[in-house]
């Protein structure tokens, strides 16, 4: 993904969180899109400060997962954005960015809300024609949803985030990375007391197989496992 695409993401999210919603182009209602219920995964201080390489790798994976929260940060919307339409809680906005026409479509149903972003034009490298760049959806009244980003100019997924929080506050997070021929997956479970576990998966023979796993306590002590391609434990230790 090019730097300009990342720029589009952040300007787009300005609309998602901070923009006003107009019933017509001259009478803004100052309504906003619903915010995604994305949690920050926190770990005990002892684990953060550990010199153990497996604890450090786990911290790096958790930081990667927390980068997902950047998609819900408050930003200032681009000046001069145009209102295309509004019907009840559904609306569309468009703006220009360095030769690209960026359109955001927001919707709400009885059970879900969500949005997508469509690109048209050229960024100097690629020409887009109604290309679906990114989309998200969350269940209204719950804390589960997903966000997807597609490969440049393609309908194939590049990255996908799935998240949920159950009634006891346990947060589950899956990150799928499809950037090459062998997709990878990161799964994290975080409990309210900051204990948790994560598993990193590689692709083998068309299926996800675990490569490593780390489990940690609320005090920051942990245990780790490494696996071979058949899913058998090949190494294990604690920190």
Protein backbone atom coordinates (compact mmCIF):
# COMPACT_ATOMS: atom_id res chain seq x y z
CA UNK A 1 0.00 0.00 0.00
CA UNK A 2 1.44 3.37 -1.00
CA UNK A 3 1.89 6.27 1.48
CA UNK A 4 -0.85 8.17 -0.30
CA UNK A 5 -3.31 5.36 0.43
CA UNK A 6 -2.51 5.66 4.13
CA UNK A 7 -3.09 9.40 3.89
CA UNK A 8 -6.50 8.71 2.38
CA UNK A 9 -7.30 6.39 5.29
CA UNK A 10 -6.64 9.03 7.92
CA UNK A 11 -8.42 11.85 6.07
CA UNK A 12 -11.32 9.48 5.51
CA UNK A 13 -11.52 8.65 9.17
CA UNK A 14 -11.83 12.33 9.87
CA UNK A 15 -15.18 12.04 8.16
CA UNK A 16 -16.08 8.86 9.99
CA UNK A 17 -15.60 10.40 13.42
CA UNK A 18 -15.62 14.16 13.13
CA UNK A 19 -17.72 15.31 10.20
CA UNK A 20 -21.17 16.84 10.28
CA UNK A 21 -24.09 15.24 8.47
CA UNK A 22 -26.27 17.45 6.30
CA UNK A 23 -29.96 16.94 5.56
CA UNK A 24 -29.28 19.24 2.63
CA UNK A 25 -26.13 21.05 1.46
CA UNK A 26 -27.02 24.34 3.15
CA UNK A 27 -28.38 23.24 6.53
CA UNK A 28 -25.83 21.08 8.38
CA UNK A 29 -27.19 19.05 11.30
CA UNK A 30 -23.75 18.41 12.85
CA UNK A 31 -24.48 14.69 13.20
CA UNK A 32 -21.62 12.20 13.35
CA UNK A 33 -21.06 8.60 12.36
CA UNK A 34 -21.04 6.01 15.10
CA UNK A 35 -17.58 5.20 16.41
CA UNK A 36 -16.18 1.69 16.20
CA UNK A 37 -15.86 0.05 19.65
CA UNK A 38 -12.17 -0.82 19.42
CA UNK A 39 -10.34 -1.54 22.67
CA UNK A 40 -6.70 -0.99 23.51
CA UNK A 41 -4.98 -4.20 24.56
CA UNK A 42 -2.92 -3.56 27.69
CA UNK A 43 -0.37 -5.86 29.30
CA UNK A 44 1.21 -5.89 32.78
CA UNK A 45 4.26 -3.67 33.32
CA UNK A 46 6.47 -6.67 34.14
CA UNK A 47 5.78 -8.16 30.71
CA UNK A 48 6.37 -4.84 28.95
CA UNK A 49 9.73 -4.48 30.68
CA UNK A 50 10.82 -8.09 30.32
CA UNK A 51 14.10 -8.81 28.53
CA UNK A 52 12.86 -12.24 27.46
CA UNK A 53 12.77 -12.41 23.66
CA UNK A 54 9.38 -14.15 23.61
CA UNK A 55 7.84 -11.49 25.85
CA UNK A 56 9.32 -8.82 23.56
CA UNK A 57 7.88 -10.49 20.47
CA UNK A 58 4.48 -10.70 22.17
CA UNK A 59 4.68 -6.98 23.02
CA UNK A 60 5.48 -6.22 19.36
CA UNK A 61 2.47 -8.22 18.18
CA UNK A 62 0.22 -6.44 20.70
CA UNK A 63 1.50 -3.05 19.48
CA UNK A 64 0.62 -4.14 15.95
CA UNK A 65 -2.90 -5.02 17.07
CA UNK A 66 -3.27 -1.71 18.91
CA UNK A 67 -2.32 0.18 15.76
CA UNK A 68 -5.81 -0.81 14.60
CA UNK A 69 -7.19 1.73 17.07
CA UNK A 70 -5.70 4.49 14.90
CA UNK A 71 -8.64 3.98 12.60
CA UNK A 72 -10.99 5.54 15.15
CA UNK A 73 -8.97 8.60 16.13
CA UNK A 74 -10.63 12.03 15.92
CA UNK A 75 -9.34 14.15 13.02
CA UNK A 76 -10.32 17.40 11.31
CA UNK A 77 -12.33 16.68 8.15
CA UNK A 78 -11.05 17.96 4.80
CA UNK A 79 -12.30 21.40 3.83
CA UNK A 80 -14.77 21.64 0.97
CA UNK A 81 -16.19 18.13 1.19
CA UNK A 82 -19.40 17.77 -0.78
CA UNK A 83 -22.61 16.14 0.45
CA UNK A 84 -23.90 13.72 -2.14
CA UNK A 85 -27.00 12.37 -0.43
CA UNK A 86 -28.78 11.70 2.85
CA UNK A 87 -31.66 9.35 3.59
CA UNK A 88 -32.51 8.89 7.27
CA UNK A 89 -29.19 7.80 8.86
CA UNK A 90 -27.56 6.88 5.54
CA UNK A 91 -25.38 9.46 3.82
CA UNK A 92 -22.54 9.91 1.36
CA UNK A 93 -19.68 12.42 1.20
CA UNK A 94 -17.03 13.06 -1.43
CA UNK A 95 -13.80 15.04 -1.66
CA UNK A 96 -10.73 15.35 -3.89
CA UNK A 97 -7.21 14.30 -2.95
CA UNK A 98 -4.31 14.75 -5.41
CA UNK A 99 -6.23 13.61 -8.47
CA UNK A 100 -8.38 11.07 -6.64
CA UNK A 101 -12.08 11.38 -5.97
CA UNK A 102 -12.79 9.85 -2.56
CA UNK A 103 -16.37 8.86 -1.67
CA UNK A 104 -17.55 7.69 1.72
CA UNK A 105 -20.87 5.87 2.09
CA UNK A 106 -22.26 5.50 5.61
CA UNK A 107 -25.29 3.39 6.54
CA UNK A 108 -27.31 2.13 9.47
CA UNK A 109 -29.75 -0.79 9.56
CA UNK A 110 -31.77 -2.16 12.45
CA UNK A 111 -28.82 -4.25 13.60
CA UNK A 112 -25.63 -2.86 12.03
CA UNK A 113 -23.86 0.32 11.03
CA UNK A 114 -20.95 0.64 8.66
CA UNK A 115 -19.22 2.52 5.88
CA UNK A 116 -17.08 2.06 2.83
CA UNK A 117 -14.73 4.21 0.83
CA UNK A 118 -14.62 4.27 -2.98
CA UNK A 119 -11.80 5.70 -5.11
CA UNK A 120 -11.98 7.14 -8.61
CA UNK A 121 -9.26 8.81 -10.67
CA UNK A 122 -5.50 8.37 -10.65
CA UNK A 123 -2.83 8.80 -7.99
CA UNK A 124 -0.02 9.00 -10.55
CA UNK A 125 0.59 5.24 -10.38
CA UNK A 126 -2.80 3.58 -10.65
CA UNK A 127 -6.13 4.55 -12.21
CA UNK A 128 -9.22 3.62 -10.19
CA UNK A 129 -12.79 3.17 -11.37
CA UNK A 130 -15.23 2.86 -8.47
CA UNK A 131 -12.68 0.80 -6.55
CA UNK A 132 -13.74 -0.37 -3.09
CA UNK A 133 -10.70 0.55 -0.99
CA UNK A 134 -11.91 -0.04 2.57
CA UNK A 135 -15.05 -1.00 4.48
CA UNK A 136 -16.15 -1.59 8.07
CA UNK A 137 -19.21 -2.85 9.90
CA UNK A 138 -20.22 -3.21 13.55
CA UNK A 139 -23.26 -4.59 15.33
CA UNK A 140 -25.32 -1.82 16.94
CA UNK A 141 -25.47 -2.19 20.72
CA UNK A 142 -22.65 -4.71 20.76
CA UNK A 143 -18.88 -4.55 20.53
CA UNK A 144 -18.15 -6.79 17.59
CA UNK A 145 -17.28 -5.89 14.05
CA UNK A 146 -14.69 -5.89 11.32
CA UNK A 147 -12.64 -3.63 9.09
CA UNK A 148 -11.25 -4.65 5.68
CA UNK A 149 -8.71 -3.09 3.32
CA UNK A 150 -8.32 -4.38 -0.23
CA UNK A 151 -5.24 -4.90 -2.36
CA UNK A 152 -4.42 -1.96 -4.62
CA UNK A 153 -6.94 -1.78 -7.46
CA UNK A 154 -8.23 -5.26 -6.66
CA UNK A 155 -11.21 -6.94 -5.03
CA UNK A 156 -8.84 -9.22 -3.08
CA UNK A 157 -8.37 -8.57 0.61
CA UNK A 158 -5.05 -7.19 1.83
CA UNK A 159 -5.80 -6.89 5.56
CA UNK A 160 -8.77 -7.75 7.74
CA UNK A 161 -9.45 -7.03 11.42
CA UNK A 162 -12.20 -8.82 13.40
CA UNK A 163 -12.93 -7.87 17.00
CA UNK A 164 -15.46 -8.59 19.74
CA UNK A 165 -15.99 -8.07 23.47
CA UNK A 166 -18.23 -10.48 25.37
CA UNK A 167 -20.48 -9.81 28.37
CA UNK A 168 -17.65 -10.48 30.85
CA UNK A 169 -15.30 -7.97 29.18
CA UNK A 170 -13.08 -10.50 27.40
CA UNK A 171 -11.76 -8.92 24.20
CA UNK A 172 -10.94 -11.08 21.17
CA UNK A 173 -9.02 -9.80 18.19
CA UNK A 174 -8.03 -11.46 14.90
CA UNK A 175 -5.77 -9.83 12.33
CA UNK A 176 -5.49 -11.45 8.91
CA UNK A 177 -2.67 -10.38 6.58
CA UNK A 178 -3.00 -11.41 2.93
CA UNK A 179 -0.12 -9.39 1.46
CA UNK A 180 1.63 -12.40 -0.12
CA UNK A 181 0.88 -15.95 -1.25
CA UNK A 182 1.06 -17.26 2.31
CA UNK A 183 -1.40 -15.36 4.52
CA UNK A 184 -0.70 -14.88 8.21
CA UNK A 185 -3.03 -14.57 11.18
CA UNK A 186 -2.64 -13.05 14.64
CA UNK A 187 -5.19 -13.94 17.34
CA UNK A 188 -5.23 -12.20 20.72
CA UNK A 189 -7.47 -12.65 23.75
CA UNK A 190 -7.30 -9.97 26.46
CA UNK A 191 -9.01 -10.29 29.85
CA UNK A 192 -10.14 -7.39 32.08
CA UNK A 193 -7.26 -8.05 34.52
CA UNK A 194 -4.72 -7.60 31.64
CA UNK A 195 -3.89 -11.30 31.45
CA UNK A 196 -4.23 -12.85 28.04
CA UNK A 197 -2.83 -14.94 25.26
CA UNK A 198 -1.83 -14.63 21.61
CA UNK A 199 -1.17 -17.07 18.81
CA UNK A 200 0.59 -16.32 15.53
CA UNK A 201 -0.30 -18.50 12.55
CA UNK A 202 1.40 -19.18 9.22
CA UNK A 203 -0.12 -20.83 6.16
CA UNK A 204 0.82 -24.42 5.38
CA UNK A 205 -0.91 -26.51 2.71
CA UNK A 206 -3.66 -23.92 2.45
CA UNK A 207 -4.53 -23.83 6.16
CA UNK A 208 -3.47 -21.72 9.12
CA UNK A 209 -1.14 -23.57 11.49
CA UNK A 210 0.21 -22.13 14.76
CA UNK A 211 3.82 -20.96 14.69
CA UNK A 212 4.02 -19.58 18.22
CA UNK A 213 1.85 -18.93 21.28
CA UNK A 214 2.29 -16.81 24.40
CA UNK A 215 0.12 -16.80 27.54
CA UNK A 216 0.60 -14.27 30.35
CA UNK A 217 -0.86 -13.63 33.80
CA UNK A 218 -2.13 -10.42 35.36
CA UNK A 219 1.22 -10.17 37.18
CA UNK A 220 3.18 -10.30 33.91
CA UNK A 221 4.58 -13.82 34.16
CA UNK A 222 4.23 -15.87 31.02
CA UNK A 223 4.72 -19.11 29.13
CA UNK A 224 5.48 -19.58 25.44
CA UNK A 225 5.37 -22.37 22.85
CA UNK A 226 6.84 -22.79 19.38
CA UNK A 227 5.38 -25.28 16.90
CA UNK A 228 6.47 -27.21 13.84
CA UNK A 229 4.40 -27.29 10.64
CA UNK A 230 2.43 -30.28 11.91
CA UNK A 231 1.32 -28.35 14.99
CA UNK A 232 3.59 -30.22 17.37
CA UNK A 233 5.38 -28.32 20.15
CA UNK A 234 9.09 -28.04 19.32
CA UNK A 235 10.11 -25.66 22.12
CA UNK A 236 8.59 -24.27 25.30
CA UNK A 237 9.60 -21.98 28.14
CA UNK A 238 8.59 -19.32 30.66
CA UNK A 239 9.39 -15.70 31.49
